Amino acid sequence: MAYRSVPLLSSFVLLIPLACGTQDPGADSSAVSGGSSSSSGSVSATSEASTSGVTPTSQGGSSNGTTTSGTTTGLDSSGPFGTDDGPIFDLNVPDMPDGTVPLTDIGVVITADNAYAFGYGTEDEMSNYFGGVAAVLASEIFSCGSGPEEYTVPAEDTAQYLYIVSYADNATTQGVIGQFRRLSKMPDGTPGEVVYTGDEGWEVCATGVDYGSGDPTPPLEVVNEQIELCNMANTDPTTTSQGWVDEVGTSLGALAVGETNETPYAGGPQVGNEFPLVCQTLIDEQARWMWFNWDPDNIMWPAQSPFIYPGGAGNPMHDFMIFRLAADSVPQPPAG
């Protein structure tokens, strides 16, 4: 497998595996699921995703100009979530003067069908943005070799909220899936509890700003404009979610939470079973697919599916989407 080394912010480098086959989620997924490292299955193109944005680029950065912010790692099957050894308690995490434990780095793994960008910042804006990844092949979404991407959010950075920006390719299926975990300060220390996509605390805002196949990733200034509008919650109710919504949602929309990453694939996208398994050495079985339900009164998963493109003209799903999670929802590692 060949890799392309691409500069991110300042000295950051993200290794992107070069695609070596053509695959389709609708075909046999055995080559790209369940921990398999194969990315050369005999299936065809997953959808008509944008080839622009296949390589993540960094827009923005930490306000102190350091070169430790938002680093990404290669696709090591061990991931950023600990080691293969048994639990070892971290006995050397010092308490702050007020008795609290200092924050630690957050390890992140994400993949999306088909395009996404990851970032973090405050409630008002994203200050660190790494976008974007636009998968063209099924292996670039699901496989261990070229699927999920890994990031690290340094503890010293301002990360009140973690954000995922995603948009559809107007074909077949759409969704994001991933997991987040605070790392121990000790090399072999026990990390914190994992938070998955689909867990309590996630919100989504459907911006109604249409990005699709062939479009570049939304730039940081556009994303931050939309975060401000999402916070104001006074956008067009016919084309947006009119602010942040959780799984309960409103009549204008809701966070859609779908199948887990342990659901056997029936061989092709269908309502209630939309996605092949993602590499389980990188994303755990408990992670759930997320998207936006633009008509919760009539689309009730798993009887109906907000993860399958409905067809029609315009932008029926109201994307691009911005998903967010408060960083303090990600638990600290054990202190002893």
Protein backbone atom coordinates (compact mmCIF):
# COMPACT_ATOMS: atom_id res chain seq x y z
CA MET A 1 0.00 0.00 0.00
CA ALA A 2 1.47 3.35 -1.01
CA TYR A 3 1.00 6.48 1.07
CA ARG A 4 0.90 10.13 0.13
CA SER A 5 2.45 12.49 2.70
CA VAL A 6 0.51 15.73 2.85
CA PRO A 7 1.40 18.76 5.00
CA LEU A 8 -1.26 19.96 7.40
CA LEU A 9 -0.77 22.96 9.71
CA SER A 10 2.88 24.02 9.94
CA SER A 11 4.80 20.79 10.46
CA PHE A 12 1.86 18.37 10.55
CA VAL A 13 1.80 15.47 8.14
CA LEU A 14 -1.09 13.13 7.45
CA LEU A 15 -0.41 9.89 5.64
CA ILE A 16 -3.20 9.10 3.20
CA PRO A 17 -3.15 5.60 1.70
CA LEU A 18 -3.44 5.73 -2.08
CA ALA A 19 -6.50 3.89 -3.31
CA CYS A 20 -5.68 0.62 -4.96
CA GLY A 21 -9.04 -0.72 -5.99
CA THR A 22 -12.62 0.10 -6.76
CA GLN A 23 -15.25 -0.99 -4.28
CA ASP A 24 -18.93 -0.65 -3.61
CA PRO A 25 -20.66 -0.84 -0.22
CA GLY A 26 -23.49 -2.57 -2.01
CA ALA A 27 -21.32 -5.56 -2.85
CA ASP A 28 -19.47 -8.13 -0.73
CA SER A 29 -18.07 -6.23 2.25
CA SER A 30 -15.88 -9.00 3.63
CA ALA A 31 -12.72 -7.36 2.30
CA VAL A 32 -13.35 -4.14 4.16
CA SER A 33 -14.99 -5.06 7.43
CA GLY A 34 -14.55 -6.90 10.67
CA GLY A 35 -10.89 -5.95 11.18
CA SER A 36 -9.69 -7.08 7.75
CA SER A 37 -6.73 -5.15 6.43
CA SER A 38 -7.62 -5.83 2.83
CA SER A 39 -8.52 -2.89 0.64
CA SER A 40 -8.58 -4.62 -2.70
CA GLY A 41 -12.00 -6.24 -2.67
CA SER A 42 -13.76 -7.01 -5.91
CA VAL A 43 -16.44 -4.38 -5.69
CA SER A 44 -17.02 -1.16 -7.61
CA ALA A 45 -17.16 2.55 -6.78
CA THR A 46 -19.10 3.34 -3.61
CA SER A 47 -20.66 6.54 -4.93
CA GLU A 48 -19.97 9.69 -6.83
CA ALA A 49 -18.00 11.48 -4.11
CA SER A 50 -15.80 14.46 -4.76
CA THR A 51 -12.20 13.75 -5.65
CA SER A 52 -11.34 17.21 -4.43
CA GLY A 53 -10.71 17.14 -0.72
CA VAL A 54 -9.51 13.54 -0.69
CA THR A 55 -6.42 14.86 1.05
CA PRO A 56 -7.11 16.65 4.35
CA THR A 57 -5.63 20.12 4.66
CA SER A 58 -5.44 22.29 7.76
CA GLN A 59 -7.27 25.58 7.84
CA GLY A 60 -6.81 27.68 10.93
CA GLY A 61 -4.84 26.52 13.94
CA SER A 62 -4.27 27.17 17.58
CA SER A 63 -4.05 30.79 18.61
CA ASN A 64 -0.58 30.32 20.05
CA GLY A 65 0.85 29.15 16.74
CA THR A 66 2.31 25.96 18.17
CA THR A 67 2.89 22.93 16.03
CA THR A 68 1.31 20.38 18.36
CA SER A 69 -2.31 21.17 17.64
CA GLY A 70 -4.63 18.76 15.89
CA THR A 71 -1.95 16.30 14.89
CA THR A 72 -3.00 13.29 12.89
CA THR A 73 -1.45 9.87 12.86
CA GLY A 74 -1.00 7.13 10.32
CA LEU A 75 -3.52 4.33 10.16
CA ASP A 76 -1.91 2.11 12.79
CA SER A 77 -4.27 -0.73 13.62
CA SER A 78 -3.51 -0.24 17.30
CA GLY A 79 -5.16 3.19 17.14
CA PRO A 80 -4.73 5.96 19.70
CA PHE A 81 -6.74 4.16 22.37
CA GLY A 82 -4.19 2.31 24.45
CA THR A 83 -2.17 -0.86 24.07
CA ASP A 84 -2.73 -4.58 23.94
CA ASP A 85 -1.52 -4.94 27.53
CA GLY A 86 -3.88 -5.29 30.46
CA PRO A 87 -5.07 -2.23 32.39
CA ILE A 88 -2.33 -0.29 34.15
CA PHE A 89 -3.55 2.47 36.43
CA ASP A 90 -2.07 5.91 35.89
CA LEU A 91 -0.67 6.78 39.31
CA ASN A 92 1.21 9.90 38.28
CA VAL A 93 -1.47 12.37 37.20
CA PRO A 94 -0.99 15.41 39.45
CA ASP A 95 -3.95 17.25 40.90
CA MET A 96 -4.45 20.93 40.19
CA PRO A 97 -4.51 23.37 43.17
CA ASP A 98 -8.31 23.26 43.17
CA GLY A 99 -8.27 19.45 43.38
CA THR A 100 -9.21 18.80 39.74
CA VAL A 101 -7.19 16.57 37.43
CA PRO A 102 -5.59 18.30 34.41
CA LEU A 103 -7.07 17.46 31.03
CA THR A 104 -5.32 15.00 28.75
CA ASP A 105 -5.10 14.58 24.97
CA ILE A 106 -8.12 13.21 23.13
CA GLY A 107 -7.65 10.42 20.60
CA VAL A 108 -10.12 10.56 17.71
CA VAL A 109 -11.07 8.10 14.96
CA ILE A 110 -13.62 9.03 12.28
CA THR A 111 -14.88 7.86 8.92
CA ALA A 112 -17.80 9.04 6.81
CA ASP A 113 -19.90 8.15 3.80
CA ASN A 114 -18.72 10.08 1.92
CA ALA A 115 -17.13 13.41 2.92
CA TYR A 116 -16.20 14.98 6.25
CA ALA A 117 -13.80 17.31 8.07
CA PHE A 118 -12.85 17.26 11.75
CA GLY A 119 -12.11 20.24 13.99
CA TYR A 120 -12.41 21.68 17.46
CA GLY A 121 -12.72 25.00 19.23
CA THR A 122 -15.22 26.94 21.32
CA GLU A 123 -19.01 27.07 21.30
CA ASP A 124 -18.78 30.11 19.03
CA GLU A 125 -16.23 28.98 16.45
CA MET A 126 -13.89 26.28 15.31
CA SER A 127 -10.24 27.32 15.69
CA ASN A 128 -8.54 24.12 14.53
CA TYR A 129 -9.89 22.58 11.32
CA PHE A 130 -8.60 19.60 9.39
CA GLY A 131 -10.62 19.17 6.23
CA GLY A 132 -11.41 17.31 4.42
CA VAL A 133 -11.64 13.67 3.52
CA ALA A 134 -13.85 12.75 0.57
CA ALA A 135 -13.98 9.01 -0.01
CA VAL A 136 -14.28 7.79 -3.58
CA LEU A 137 -13.91 4.07 -2.90
CA ALA A 138 -15.66 1.92 -0.32
CA SER A 139 -12.27 0.88 1.05
CA GLU A 140 -11.60 4.55 1.90
CA ILE A 141 -14.60 4.45 4.23
CA PHE A 142 -14.66 0.96 5.71
CA SER A 143 -11.31 -0.82 5.43
CA CYS A 144 -8.50 -1.08 7.98
CA GLY A 145 -5.89 -0.12 5.41
CA SER A 146 -7.33 3.10 4.03
CA GLY A 147 -10.56 3.74 5.89
CA PRO A 148 -10.94 5.61 9.20
CA GLU A 149 -8.62 8.54 9.93
CA GLU A 150 -7.04 9.24 13.33
CA TYR A 151 -6.45 12.60 15.04
CA THR A 152 -5.13 13.82 18.38
CA VAL A 153 -6.52 16.87 20.18
CA PRO A 154 -3.70 18.15 22.43
CA ALA A 155 -4.67 18.85 26.04
CA GLU A 156 -3.13 22.34 25.91
CA ASP A 157 -5.38 23.44 23.03
CA THR A 158 -8.74 25.11 23.52
CA ALA A 159 -11.24 22.38 22.75
CA GLN A 160 -14.57 23.15 24.38
CA TYR A 161 -16.38 21.47 21.49
CA LEU A 162 -15.43 18.75 19.02
CA TYR A 163 -16.94 19.20 15.55
CA ILE A 164 -17.53 16.99 12.52
CA VAL A 165 -18.56 18.71 9.27
CA SER A 166 -20.10 16.36 6.70
CA TYR A 167 -22.01 16.50 3.44
CA ALA A 168 -23.64 14.05 1.08
CA ASP A 169 -22.70 13.00 -2.43
CA ASN A 170 -26.39 12.72 -3.37
CA ALA A 171 -26.13 8.98 -3.96
CA THR A 172 -26.97 5.83 -1.99
CA THR A 173 -26.05 6.23 1.70
CA GLN A 174 -24.80 9.04 3.95
CA GLY A 175 -23.48 9.06 7.52
CA VAL A 176 -20.59 9.54 9.95
CA ILE A 177 -19.21 7.19 12.59
CA GLY A 178 -16.34 7.41 15.06
CA GLN A 179 -15.09 7.39 18.64
CA PHE A 180 -13.33 9.70 21.09
CA ARG A 181 -11.20 8.92 24.15
CA ARG A 182 -8.92 10.81 26.51
CA LEU A 183 -5.44 9.33 26.63
CA SER A 184 -3.37 8.66 29.73
CA LYS A 185 -0.33 10.83 30.44
CA MET A 186 1.61 7.61 31.03
CA PRO A 187 2.75 5.58 27.98
CA ASP A 188 1.08 2.41 29.28
CA GLY A 189 -1.57 4.10 31.40
CA THR A 190 -5.27 3.29 31.25
CA PRO A 191 -7.14 5.67 28.92
CA GLY A 192 -10.54 7.13 29.68
CA GLU A 193 -13.89 5.68 28.75
CA VAL A 194 -14.73 5.80 25.04
CA VAL A 195 -17.46 8.13 23.76
CA TYR A 196 -19.02 7.02 20.47
CA THR A 197 -20.96 8.74 17.77
CA GLY A 198 -24.61 8.24 18.63
CA ASP A 199 -24.01 8.52 22.39
CA GLU A 200 -25.92 11.03 24.50
CA GLY A 201 -24.56 14.56 24.13
CA TRP A 202 -24.28 14.77 20.36
CA GLU A 203 -26.10 17.51 18.44
CA VAL A 204 -26.38 18.34 14.76
CA CYS A 205 -27.16 21.48 12.81
CA ALA A 206 -28.29 21.18 9.19
CA THR A 207 -27.06 24.35 7.50
CA GLY A 208 -28.86 24.03 4.17
CA VAL A 209 -25.63 25.14 2.42
CA ASP A 210 -25.40 22.62 -0.39
CA TYR A 211 -22.03 20.95 -0.94
CA GLY A 212 -21.87 17.84 -3.07
CA SER A 213 -19.86 15.75 -5.49
CA GLY A 214 -17.14 17.80 -7.12
CA ASP A 215 -17.19 20.57 -4.51
CA PRO A 216 -14.23 21.40 -2.25
CA THR A 217 -14.58 21.03 1.51
CA PRO A 218 -16.41 23.98 3.13
CA PRO A 219 -13.66 26.41 4.20
CA LEU A 220 -13.21 27.36 7.83
CA GLU A 221 -14.76 30.81 7.44
CA VAL A 222 -17.92 29.29 5.95
CA VAL A 223 -18.14 26.69 8.72
CA ASN A 224 -17.74 29.36 11.40
CA GLU A 225 -20.41 31.52 9.78
CA GLN A 226 -22.76 28.56 9.96
CA ILE A 227 -21.84 27.77 13.59
CA GLU A 228 -22.84 31.34 14.45
CA LEU A 229 -26.14 30.93 12.59
CA CYS A 230 -26.75 27.56 14.28
CA ASN A 231 -26.26 29.22 17.67
CA MET A 232 -28.71 32.00 16.73
CA ALA A 233 -31.33 29.45 15.60
CA ASN A 234 -33.19 31.81 13.28
CA THR A 235 -32.40 30.38 9.83
CA ASP A 236 -34.92 29.34 7.17
CA PRO A 237 -37.04 26.51 8.64
CA THR A 238 -37.74 25.11 5.18
CA THR A 239 -34.07 24.47 4.37
CA THR A 240 -32.30 24.10 7.75
CA SER A 241 -32.73 22.56 11.19
CA GLN A 242 -33.01 26.09 12.57
CA GLY A 243 -30.33 25.51 15.16
CA TRP A 244 -28.83 22.59 17.04
CA VAL A 245 -30.99 19.50 17.57
CA ASP A 246 -30.43 16.27 19.46
CA GLU A 247 -32.01 12.86 18.96
CA VAL A 248 -35.34 14.11 20.36
CA GLY A 249 -35.28 17.00 17.90
CA THR A 250 -38.12 19.21 16.73
CA SER A 251 -40.63 19.10 13.90
CA LEU A 252 -37.87 20.61 11.72
CA GLY A 253 -35.41 17.79 12.28
CA ALA A 254 -33.47 15.59 14.66
CA LEU A 255 -30.16 13.87 15.09
CA ALA A 256 -30.46 10.51 13.34
CA VAL A 257 -28.79 7.62 15.19
CA GLY A 258 -28.64 4.35 13.31
CA GLU A 259 -27.05 0.93 13.40
CA THR A 260 -24.01 -0.08 15.42
CA ASN A 261 -20.73 -1.18 13.93
CA GLU A 262 -21.56 -4.79 14.74
CA THR A 263 -24.64 -5.12 12.53
CA PRO A 264 -24.07 -7.80 9.86
CA TYR A 265 -24.37 -6.35 6.37
CA ALA A 266 -27.08 -7.86 4.22
CA GLY A 267 -25.09 -7.37 1.01
CA GLY A 268 -26.46 -4.02 -0.09
CA PRO A 269 -27.87 -0.85 1.44
CA GLN A 270 -31.38 -1.26 2.75
CA VAL A 271 -33.56 0.46 5.32
CA GLY A 272 -32.32 -0.37 8.80
CA ASN A 273 -29.10 -1.99 7.49
CA GLU A 274 -27.44 0.71 5.43
CA PHE A 275 -23.69 0.23 5.97
CA PRO A 276 -21.00 -2.46 5.83
CA LEU A 277 -18.92 -2.95 8.95
CA VAL A 278 -16.11 -0.45 9.48
CA CYS A 279 -12.66 -1.80 10.47
CA GLN A 280 -13.29 -2.92 14.06
CA THR A 281 -9.66 -2.60 15.12
CA LEU A 282 -10.09 1.17 14.64
CA ILE A 283 -13.77 1.78 15.43
CA ASP A 284 -15.46 -0.33 18.09
CA GLU A 285 -18.64 -2.32 17.64
CA GLN A 286 -20.55 0.04 19.95
CA ALA A 287 -20.15 3.08 17.68
CA ARG A 288 -23.32 4.09 15.83
CA TRP A 289 -23.82 5.84 12.52
CA MET A 290 -25.17 9.40 12.70
CA TRP A 291 -26.84 11.74 10.21
CA PHE A 292 -29.66 14.31 10.14
CA ASN A 293 -33.34 13.36 9.97
CA TRP A 294 -34.99 16.16 8.01
CA ASP A 295 -38.54 14.82 8.51
CA PRO A 296 -38.78 13.08 11.91
CA ASP A 297 -42.59 13.02 11.84
CA ASN A 298 -42.51 10.67 8.85
CA ILE A 299 -39.02 9.11 8.84
CA MET A 300 -38.67 6.78 11.81
CA TRP A 301 -35.59 4.60 11.69
CA PRO A 302 -35.38 1.62 11.27
CA ALA A 303 -38.76 1.49 9.53
CA GLN A 304 -37.67 4.36 7.28
CA SER A 305 -34.15 5.61 6.74
CA PRO A 306 -32.62 9.10 6.87
CA PHE A 307 -29.31 7.46 5.90
CA ILE A 308 -30.45 6.67 2.34
CA TYR A 309 -30.52 9.51 -0.17
CA PRO A 310 -34.18 10.28 -0.92
CA GLY A 311 -33.63 11.53 -4.47
CA GLY A 312 -35.26 14.56 -5.96
CA ALA A 313 -34.02 17.99 -6.90
CA GLY A 314 -32.36 20.54 -4.66
CA ASN A 315 -31.01 19.70 -1.22
CA PRO A 316 -33.65 17.51 0.45
CA MET A 317 -31.44 16.52 3.41
CA HIS A 318 -30.52 20.17 4.21
CA ASP A 319 -26.78 19.46 4.36
CA PHE A 320 -23.97 20.29 4.90
CA MET A 321 -24.22 19.07 8.48
CA ILE A 322 -22.25 20.19 11.53
CA PHE A 323 -22.14 17.67 14.39
CA ARG A 324 -20.81 18.74 17.78
CA LEU A 325 -19.98 17.21 21.16
CA ALA A 326 -18.89 19.08 24.28
CA ALA A 327 -15.31 18.01 25.01
CA ASP A 328 -16.05 17.67 28.73
CA SER A 329 -18.36 14.82 27.78
CA VAL A 330 -15.23 12.75 27.09
CA PRO A 331 -14.22 11.27 30.50
CA GLN A 332 -10.77 11.67 31.98
CA PRO A 333 -8.56 8.59 32.39
CA PRO A 334 -8.49 7.05 35.86
CA ALA A 335 -6.19 8.90 38.25
CA GLY A 336 -5.23 5.89 40.32
